[in-house]
C-alpha cells in the first residue's frame, strides 16, 4: 500500500484537493520529493522555517535535548532549562513592557490565551478585531475573523466581538471603555500582505490607551526577522500590551507564546490554573526555537532582508503582474484573477517552485522564503517565476 493511499484514506483532509506531493527530505530552502524532484520553498511552512530546513544548529539542539528529557509535566510546574532560558532570551530582546512569556503549542492557542488574559485583567468582555484578519482556527480564534465562509458552519461563536476595517481611522471610536482588547496583525498576512497606513498603528495604540483597552499584536507571521526587524513592532515603533508569537518561534517545531508584563500575566494565577496546557513550551520545541533565534542573531540574517526584498521586486518588475505588496520577505504578488492564480500555482509545482495563495486573497501568490535564501537563489527563482507567470 503506497503512502499516497495511506495519506488520502486515513489522514483527515482539510480540502478536497490537497497538493499531495510526498516530501522525503528538506534542507536549506529546498524540499525534495520521493522521486528526487527539488522544490524551492517560497512558503517556509507559512513563515515557519526562518533559518531554513534542518539547520545543523537546530538539529543539534533537538538531538541534545531529546537525549536529556522530553515531556515531564504540565507547563509551569517544573523548572525546565529550555523553557526558562528561551523565555529569558526573548525578554532580553523585547521592550520592558513585554517581559513575561507564557509558552503554548500554536498560534491559535497563543491568541486564545491572549484574549483570555485581556478579559481577566480588564474585567471586560468585549473584543475588537479586524476584518480580513486571520488569528487561527480554534473556535475562539475563528470568532475573531469576520469571514462567513469559515464561520457559518461552526456557529454559535464567541459573543461580543466587534469588527473594524484595518487602516480605517474613522472606525477607531468603536473601541470603548467596554472593550477588553483589540487583536490586530501589524501587517495583515492572509488578506494578501496589507501594510499599515502611516500613523494607523500609532492611532490604534492611542485609542486603546485612552479607553483602558489592551492592545494585542498578532506577530505570528511577522515575527523573527520577516520584515527586516526581529518584530514588526520595532519597524512601526508601537509597543502592544500583549504580543503573540508562533510559527518561527519554534525553529520548525510546534511552539507558540503570548507575552505581556508580569503585572498583567499574574492575573492568570487567580483562579489557580486558570490557563493551563499539557504540552505548551515542550522542552524540545523550546530548545529548537532558541537555537534558531541565535542563528538569526549571530548570522545577522535580518540585515539582508530588505536588500533581498528589493531584489525580488526588481527581478519581477517586468513580469506580467499587477503589483507586489508587502515588506521584507513577506510579499504578495498580484496576478489579478483567481483562475490565473490557480493555473500559476499548478505550473509552479510542476516547475519545482512551492508557493501558495492567501486565505482571504485568491488573486495573489506568496513569497515568504527562509531568511537564508541567497541572492543567487533569488535570481534563479525569479527567472523560473517569470516564465511561469508568462504561461499562466
Protein backbone atom coordinates (compact mmCIF):
# COMPACT_ATOMS: atom_id res chain seq x y z
CA UNK A 1 0.00 0.00 0.00
CA UNK A 2 1.65 3.26 -1.10
CA UNK A 3 2.00 6.35 1.05
CA UNK A 4 -0.34 8.48 -1.06
CA UNK A 5 -3.12 5.93 -0.49
CA UNK A 6 -2.50 6.00 3.27
CA UNK A 7 -2.49 9.81 3.23
CA UNK A 8 -5.79 10.09 1.37
CA UNK A 9 -7.51 7.20 3.12
CA UNK A 10 -6.56 7.57 6.77
CA UNK A 11 -5.38 11.14 7.27
CA UNK A 12 -8.15 13.73 7.72
CA UNK A 13 -8.12 16.18 4.83
CA UNK A 14 -8.67 19.93 5.08
CA UNK A 15 -9.53 20.47 1.42
CA UNK A 16 -10.89 18.37 -1.46
CA UNK A 17 -7.69 18.93 -3.45
CA UNK A 18 -4.50 18.84 -1.34
CA UNK A 19 -1.21 19.49 -3.12
CA UNK A 20 -0.40 15.84 -2.46
CA UNK A 21 3.36 15.93 -3.05
CA UNK A 22 5.32 13.50 -0.91
CA UNK A 23 8.35 15.23 0.58
CA UNK A 24 11.12 12.85 1.57
CA UNK A 25 13.61 15.36 2.97
CA UNK A 26 14.29 19.08 3.18
CA UNK A 27 17.43 21.15 3.58
CA UNK A 28 18.03 24.90 3.45
CA UNK A 29 15.49 26.49 1.08
CA UNK A 30 14.80 23.23 -0.77
CA UNK A 31 12.40 20.33 -0.32
CA UNK A 32 12.90 17.02 -2.14
CA UNK A 33 10.15 14.72 -3.32
CA UNK A 34 10.21 10.95 -3.07
CA UNK A 35 11.05 10.93 -6.79
CA UNK A 36 14.08 13.16 -6.16
CA UNK A 37 12.49 16.28 -7.60
CA UNK A 38 13.67 19.50 -5.93
CA UNK A 39 11.26 22.26 -4.88
CA UNK A 40 12.34 25.79 -3.97
CA UNK A 41 10.35 26.63 -0.85
CA UNK A 42 8.78 30.09 -1.11
CA UNK A 43 6.34 29.30 1.70
CA UNK A 44 8.70 28.24 4.50
CA UNK A 45 5.80 26.43 6.16
CA UNK A 46 3.94 29.78 6.13
CA UNK A 47 6.85 31.77 7.60
CA UNK A 48 7.93 28.97 9.97
CA UNK A 49 11.34 27.94 8.65
CA UNK A 50 13.16 31.25 9.04
CA UNK A 51 16.60 29.62 9.17
CA UNK A 52 15.73 27.04 6.54
CA UNK A 53 15.01 23.36 6.80
CA UNK A 54 17.16 21.18 9.06
CA UNK A 55 19.63 23.87 10.04
CA UNK A 56 22.54 21.98 11.67
CA UNK A 57 22.44 24.04 14.87
CA UNK A 58 18.70 23.49 15.29
CA UNK A 59 19.02 19.77 14.58
CA UNK A 60 21.83 19.50 17.13
CA UNK A 61 19.78 21.35 19.76
CA UNK A 62 16.91 18.92 19.21
CA UNK A 63 19.21 15.90 19.47
CA UNK A 64 20.86 17.20 22.61
CA UNK A 65 17.56 17.92 24.33
CA UNK A 66 15.95 14.60 23.39
CA UNK A 67 18.94 12.85 24.96
CA UNK A 68 18.17 14.59 28.28
CA UNK A 69 14.36 14.59 28.54
CA UNK A 70 11.21 15.31 26.61
CA UNK A 71 7.82 15.86 28.25
CA UNK A 72 7.95 15.94 32.04
CA UNK A 73 4.93 17.77 33.44
CA UNK A 74 2.20 20.23 32.52
CA UNK A 75 3.51 23.68 31.66
CA UNK A 76 4.73 25.87 34.50
CA UNK A 77 5.12 23.31 37.28
CA UNK A 78 8.67 22.02 36.89
CA UNK A 79 11.71 24.16 36.11
CA UNK A 80 12.84 23.10 32.66
CA UNK A 81 16.00 24.66 31.28
CA UNK A 82 14.89 25.14 27.62
CA UNK A 83 11.73 26.98 28.68
CA UNK A 84 13.41 29.22 31.24
CA UNK A 85 16.38 30.06 29.01
CA UNK A 86 14.25 30.78 25.96
CA UNK A 87 11.86 32.97 27.96
CA UNK A 88 14.77 34.97 29.36
CA UNK A 89 16.35 35.36 25.91
CA UNK A 90 13.10 36.59 24.39
CA UNK A 91 12.58 39.04 27.24
CA UNK A 92 16.08 40.43 26.68
CA UNK A 93 15.12 41.30 23.09
CA UNK A 94 11.69 42.76 23.78
CA UNK A 95 10.57 46.08 25.31
CA UNK A 96 10.49 46.07 29.11
CA UNK A 97 6.69 46.10 28.97
CA UNK A 98 6.84 42.60 27.45
CA UNK A 99 8.89 40.57 29.88
CA UNK A 100 6.70 37.60 30.88
CA UNK A 101 6.30 34.70 28.45
CA UNK A 102 3.63 32.03 28.51
CA UNK A 103 4.50 29.21 26.10
CA UNK A 104 1.77 27.27 24.30
CA UNK A 105 1.70 24.94 21.27
CA UNK A 106 0.48 27.10 18.38
CA UNK A 107 -0.61 30.49 17.13
CA UNK A 108 -4.28 29.75 17.68
CA UNK A 109 -3.56 28.89 21.29
CA UNK A 110 -1.42 31.99 21.72
CA UNK A 111 -4.28 34.21 20.57
CA UNK A 112 -6.81 32.32 22.68
CA UNK A 113 -4.58 32.81 25.72
CA UNK A 114 -4.03 36.48 24.96
CA UNK A 115 -7.74 37.24 24.72
CA UNK A 116 -8.46 35.28 27.92
CA UNK A 117 -5.72 37.23 29.65
CA UNK A 118 -7.12 40.57 28.48
CA UNK A 119 -10.62 39.73 29.65
CA UNK A 120 -9.32 38.55 33.02
CA UNK A 121 -7.13 41.62 33.52
CA UNK A 122 -9.67 44.26 32.44
CA UNK A 123 -12.82 42.58 33.75
CA UNK A 124 -14.42 43.40 30.40
CA UNK A 125 -16.00 41.01 27.89
CA UNK A 126 -15.94 42.79 24.52
CA UNK A 127 -13.25 42.11 21.92
CA UNK A 128 -12.47 44.10 18.77
CA UNK A 129 -10.71 42.55 15.76
CA UNK A 130 -10.15 43.49 12.12
CA UNK A 131 -11.95 42.34 9.03
CA UNK A 132 -9.86 40.05 6.78
CA UNK A 133 -7.62 39.10 9.70
CA UNK A 134 -6.62 35.54 10.47
CA UNK A 135 -5.87 34.53 14.05
CA UNK A 136 -6.34 30.76 13.98
CA UNK A 137 -8.93 28.04 13.51
CA UNK A 138 -9.96 27.11 17.05
CA UNK A 139 -13.47 28.25 17.86
CA UNK A 140 -12.39 31.30 19.86
CA UNK A 141 -9.78 32.39 17.32
CA UNK A 142 -12.22 31.81 14.46
CA UNK A 143 -14.67 34.12 16.22
CA UNK A 144 -12.13 36.90 15.74
CA UNK A 145 -12.08 36.77 11.95
CA UNK A 146 -15.13 38.13 10.18
CA UNK A 147 -15.47 35.73 7.28
CA UNK A 148 -18.76 33.91 6.92
CA UNK A 149 -17.32 31.24 4.61
CA UNK A 150 -15.27 29.95 7.54
CA UNK A 151 -17.61 30.80 10.39
CA UNK A 152 -21.15 29.85 9.36
CA UNK A 153 -20.70 26.09 9.68
CA UNK A 154 -19.39 26.43 13.24
CA UNK A 155 -21.79 28.83 14.93
CA UNK A 156 -22.53 29.87 17.61
CA UNK A 157 -19.19 31.60 18.11
CA UNK A 158 -17.91 33.86 20.87
CA UNK A 159 -20.30 36.72 21.66
CA UNK A 160 -19.41 40.40 21.98
CA UNK A 161 -16.90 40.53 19.13
CA UNK A 162 -16.90 43.71 17.05
CA UNK A 163 -15.02 44.31 13.83
CA UNK A 164 -13.25 47.26 12.30
CA UNK A 165 -11.51 47.69 8.96
CA UNK A 166 -7.72 47.67 9.09
CA UNK A 167 -6.34 51.16 8.32
CA UNK A 168 -9.72 52.85 8.87
CA UNK A 169 -9.07 55.73 11.29
CA UNK A 170 -12.75 56.73 11.41
CA UNK A 171 -13.77 53.41 12.99
CA UNK A 172 -11.44 53.67 15.98
CA UNK A 173 -14.23 55.10 18.23
CA UNK A 174 -15.77 51.60 18.10
CA UNK A 175 -13.14 50.84 20.74
CA UNK A 176 -14.65 51.97 24.05
CA UNK A 177 -14.38 51.55 27.83
CA UNK A 178 -16.29 48.28 27.38
CA UNK A 179 -13.57 46.81 25.13
CA UNK A 180 -11.22 44.36 26.83
CA UNK A 181 -8.79 44.14 23.93
CA UNK A 182 -8.10 44.82 20.29
CA UNK A 183 -6.42 41.96 18.46
CA UNK A 184 -4.62 43.07 15.30
CA UNK A 185 -1.89 41.93 12.94
CA UNK A 186 0.57 44.83 12.44
CA UNK A 187 0.70 43.60 8.83
CA UNK A 188 -2.34 41.71 7.62
CA UNK A 189 -0.97 38.44 6.28
CA UNK A 190 -3.82 36.35 4.91
CA UNK A 191 -5.55 39.41 3.47
CA UNK A 192 -2.71 39.44 0.94
CA UNK A 193 0.01 41.27 2.91
CA UNK A 194 -1.60 44.63 3.67
CA UNK A 195 0.75 47.12 5.33
CA UNK A 196 -0.47 49.59 7.97
CA UNK A 197 -1.22 53.09 6.74
CA UNK A 198 1.05 55.81 8.04
CA UNK A 199 0.13 56.59 11.63
CA UNK A 200 -2.56 53.90 11.89
CA UNK A 201 -0.92 51.65 14.47
CA UNK A 202 0.05 54.73 16.50
CA UNK A 203 -3.57 55.94 16.44
CA UNK A 204 -4.76 52.48 17.44
CA UNK A 205 -2.29 52.45 20.34
CA UNK A 206 -3.50 55.89 21.47
CA UNK A 207 -7.17 54.90 21.34
CA UNK A 208 -6.52 51.74 23.38
CA UNK A 209 -4.59 53.74 25.97
CA UNK A 210 -7.43 56.28 26.22
CA UNK A 211 -10.07 53.61 26.84
CA UNK A 212 -8.02 51.27 29.06
CA UNK A 213 -8.18 48.61 26.36
CA UNK A 214 -5.31 46.15 25.97
CA UNK A 215 -3.70 46.19 22.53
CA UNK A 216 -2.67 42.73 21.27
CA UNK A 217 -0.28 42.39 18.33
CA UNK A 218 -0.51 39.08 16.49
CA UNK A 219 3.05 38.75 15.16
CA UNK A 220 2.72 35.09 14.35
CA UNK A 221 3.70 35.66 10.71
CA UNK A 222 5.75 38.86 11.04
CA UNK A 223 7.96 37.84 13.95
CA UNK A 224 11.61 36.78 13.87
CA UNK A 225 13.05 38.97 11.13
CA UNK A 226 10.44 38.55 8.43
CA UNK A 227 10.27 42.35 7.88
CA UNK A 228 13.95 43.07 8.50
CA UNK A 229 13.46 43.68 12.22
CA UNK A 230 13.10 40.99 14.82
CA UNK A 231 9.49 42.09 15.35
CA UNK A 232 7.15 44.30 13.32
CA UNK A 233 6.53 46.47 16.39
CA UNK A 234 10.13 47.69 16.03
CA UNK A 235 9.51 48.59 12.39
CA UNK A 236 6.50 50.72 13.29
CA UNK A 237 7.52 52.00 16.70
CA UNK A 238 4.45 50.77 18.60
CA UNK A 239 4.52 48.58 21.71
CA UNK A 240 1.41 46.47 22.42
CA UNK A 241 0.23 45.33 25.83
CA UNK A 242 0.29 41.69 24.73
CA UNK A 243 2.29 40.06 21.94
CA UNK A 244 1.51 36.70 20.35
CA UNK A 245 4.09 34.58 18.56
CA UNK A 246 4.29 31.16 16.90
CA UNK A 247 5.49 29.86 13.50
CA UNK A 248 9.21 30.86 13.52
CA UNK A 249 9.21 30.81 17.33
CA UNK A 250 9.83 27.05 17.35
CA UNK A 251 12.52 26.88 14.67
CA UNK A 252 10.45 24.27 12.82
CA UNK A 253 8.99 22.65 15.94
CA UNK A 254 5.46 23.38 17.25
CA UNK A 255 5.55 26.33 19.65
CA UNK A 256 3.54 29.45 20.40
CA UNK A 257 3.56 32.12 23.10
CA UNK A 258 1.68 35.09 24.43
CA UNK A 259 3.74 37.74 26.17
CA UNK A 260 2.85 40.61 28.49
CA UNK A 261 4.12 42.40 31.57
CA UNK A 262 4.40 40.41 34.77
CA UNK A 263 1.68 42.58 36.32
CA UNK A 264 -0.76 41.64 33.57
CA UNK A 265 0.27 37.98 33.37
CA UNK A 266 -0.02 37.46 37.13
CA UNK A 267 -3.83 37.60 36.96
CA UNK A 268 -3.78 34.09 35.47
CA UNK A 269 -2.81 32.80 38.90
CA UNK A 270 -6.31 33.54 40.21
CA UNK A 271 -8.07 31.22 39.99
CA UNK A 272 -5.13 28.86 40.14
CA UNK A 273 -4.62 27.03 36.84
CA UNK A 274 -7.00 29.43 35.12
CA UNK A 275 -4.98 28.84 31.97
CA UNK A 276 -3.06 25.61 31.56
CA UNK A 277 -1.51 23.48 28.85
CA UNK A 278 0.00 19.99 28.88
CA UNK A 279 2.48 20.24 26.02
CA UNK A 280 2.86 24.03 25.73
CA UNK A 281 6.52 25.04 25.79
CA UNK A 282 7.65 21.50 25.06
CA UNK A 283 11.34 21.37 26.01
CA UNK A 284 12.41 20.08 22.59
CA UNK A 285 10.47 22.84 20.84
CA UNK A 286 11.97 25.47 23.14
CA UNK A 287 15.48 24.14 22.54
CA UNK A 288 14.92 24.25 18.78
CA UNK A 289 13.41 27.72 18.92
CA UNK A 290 16.23 29.15 21.00
CA UNK A 291 18.82 27.65 18.64
CA UNK A 292 17.04 29.11 15.61
CA UNK A 293 16.80 32.53 17.25
CA UNK A 294 20.52 32.53 17.98
CA UNK A 295 21.20 31.67 14.32
CA UNK A 296 19.08 34.62 13.20
CA UNK A 297 21.02 36.92 15.52
CA UNK A 298 24.55 35.52 15.14
CA UNK A 299 24.32 35.23 11.35
CA UNK A 300 22.69 38.67 11.19
CA UNK A 301 20.02 37.33 8.85
CA UNK A 302 17.84 40.40 9.33
CA UNK A 303 20.47 42.72 7.84
CA UNK A 304 19.95 41.41 4.31
CA UNK A 305 16.15 41.03 4.37
CA UNK A 306 15.44 44.43 2.83
CA UNK A 307 18.02 44.03 0.05
CA UNK A 308 16.62 40.57 -0.76
CA UNK A 309 13.13 42.07 -0.83
CA UNK A 310 14.30 44.74 -3.28
CA UNK A 311 15.93 42.09 -5.44
CA UNK A 312 12.68 40.11 -5.69
CA UNK A 313 10.85 43.31 -6.66
CA UNK A 314 13.47 44.32 -9.21
CA UNK A 315 13.66 40.94 -10.91
CA UNK A 316 9.87 40.60 -11.11
CA UNK A 317 9.25 44.23 -12.13
CA UNK A 318 8.98 43.37 -15.83
CA UNK A 319 6.87 40.26 -15.27
CA UNK A 320 3.21 40.24 -16.29
CA UNK A 321 1.89 41.09 -12.82
CA UNK A 322 -0.24 43.89 -11.40
CA UNK A 323 1.74 44.72 -8.26
CA UNK A 324 3.89 43.40 -5.43
CA UNK A 325 2.67 44.24 -1.92
CA UNK A 326 4.38 43.79 1.39
CA UNK A 327 7.62 44.37 3.20
CA UNK A 328 10.83 42.43 3.72
CA UNK A 329 10.44 38.76 2.88
CA UNK A 330 6.68 38.77 3.29
CA UNK A 331 5.40 39.62 -0.17
CA UNK A 332 2.23 39.12 -2.20
CA UNK A 333 2.48 39.09 -6.00
CA UNK A 334 -0.83 40.18 -7.50
CA UNK A 335 -1.95 38.34 -10.65
CA UNK A 336 -5.42 39.87 -10.83
CA UNK A 337 -7.68 36.84 -11.39
CA UNK A 338 -8.37 33.71 -9.29
CA UNK A 339 -8.27 31.40 -12.31
CA UNK A 340 -4.90 32.81 -13.33
CA UNK A 341 -3.53 32.24 -9.82
CA UNK A 342 -4.81 28.65 -9.77
CA UNK A 343 -3.06 27.91 -13.04
CA UNK A 344 0.11 29.65 -11.85
CA UNK A 345 0.35 27.59 -8.66
CA UNK A 346 -0.19 24.34 -10.58
CA UNK A 347 2.57 25.29 -13.02
CA UNK A 348 4.81 26.43 -10.17
CA UNK A 349 4.80 22.99 -8.55
CA UNK A 350 5.37 21.36 -11.92
CA UNK A 351 8.43 23.59 -12.32
CA UNK A 352 9.82 22.98 -8.84
CA UNK A 353 8.52 26.08 -7.03
CA UNK A 354 6.44 25.72 -3.86
CA UNK A 355 4.16 28.69 -3.25
CA UNK A 356 0.53 29.24 -2.33
CA UNK A 357 -2.31 31.73 -2.09
CA UNK A 358 -3.71 33.64 0.88
CA UNK A 359 -6.84 32.69 2.81
CA UNK A 360 -8.58 35.98 2.09
CA UNK A 361 -6.95 36.82 -1.22
CA UNK A 362 -7.27 34.39 -4.12
CA UNK A 363 -5.53 36.52 -6.74
CA UNK A 364 -2.01 36.76 -5.26
CA UNK A 365 0.76 34.27 -4.57
CA UNK A 366 3.05 34.23 -1.56
CA UNK A 367 6.77 34.94 -1.40
CA UNK A 368 7.84 34.12 2.14
CA UNK A 369 11.02 32.05 1.86
CA UNK A 370 13.52 31.14 4.57
CA UNK A 371 15.57 34.21 5.51
CA UNK A 372 18.73 32.34 4.49
CA UNK A 373 17.85 32.48 0.80
CA UNK A 374 20.79 33.90 -1.17
CA UNK A 375 20.84 36.49 -3.95
CA UNK A 376 21.82 33.80 -6.45
CA UNK A 377 18.91 31.62 -5.34
CA UNK A 378 16.55 34.60 -5.68
CA UNK A 379 17.79 35.24 -9.21
CA UNK A 380 17.32 31.59 -10.20
CA UNK A 381 13.87 31.51 -8.60
CA UNK A 382 12.69 34.72 -10.25
CA UNK A 383 13.81 33.50 -13.67
CA UNK A 384 11.57 30.46 -13.21
CA UNK A 385 8.73 32.54 -11.73
CA UNK A 386 8.72 34.90 -14.71
CA UNK A 387 8.46 32.01 -17.12
CA UNK A 388 5.57 30.51 -15.16
CA UNK A 389 3.78 33.86 -14.88
CA UNK A 390 4.03 34.31 -18.64
CA UNK A 391 2.43 30.90 -19.16
CA UNK A 392 -0.39 31.39 -16.66
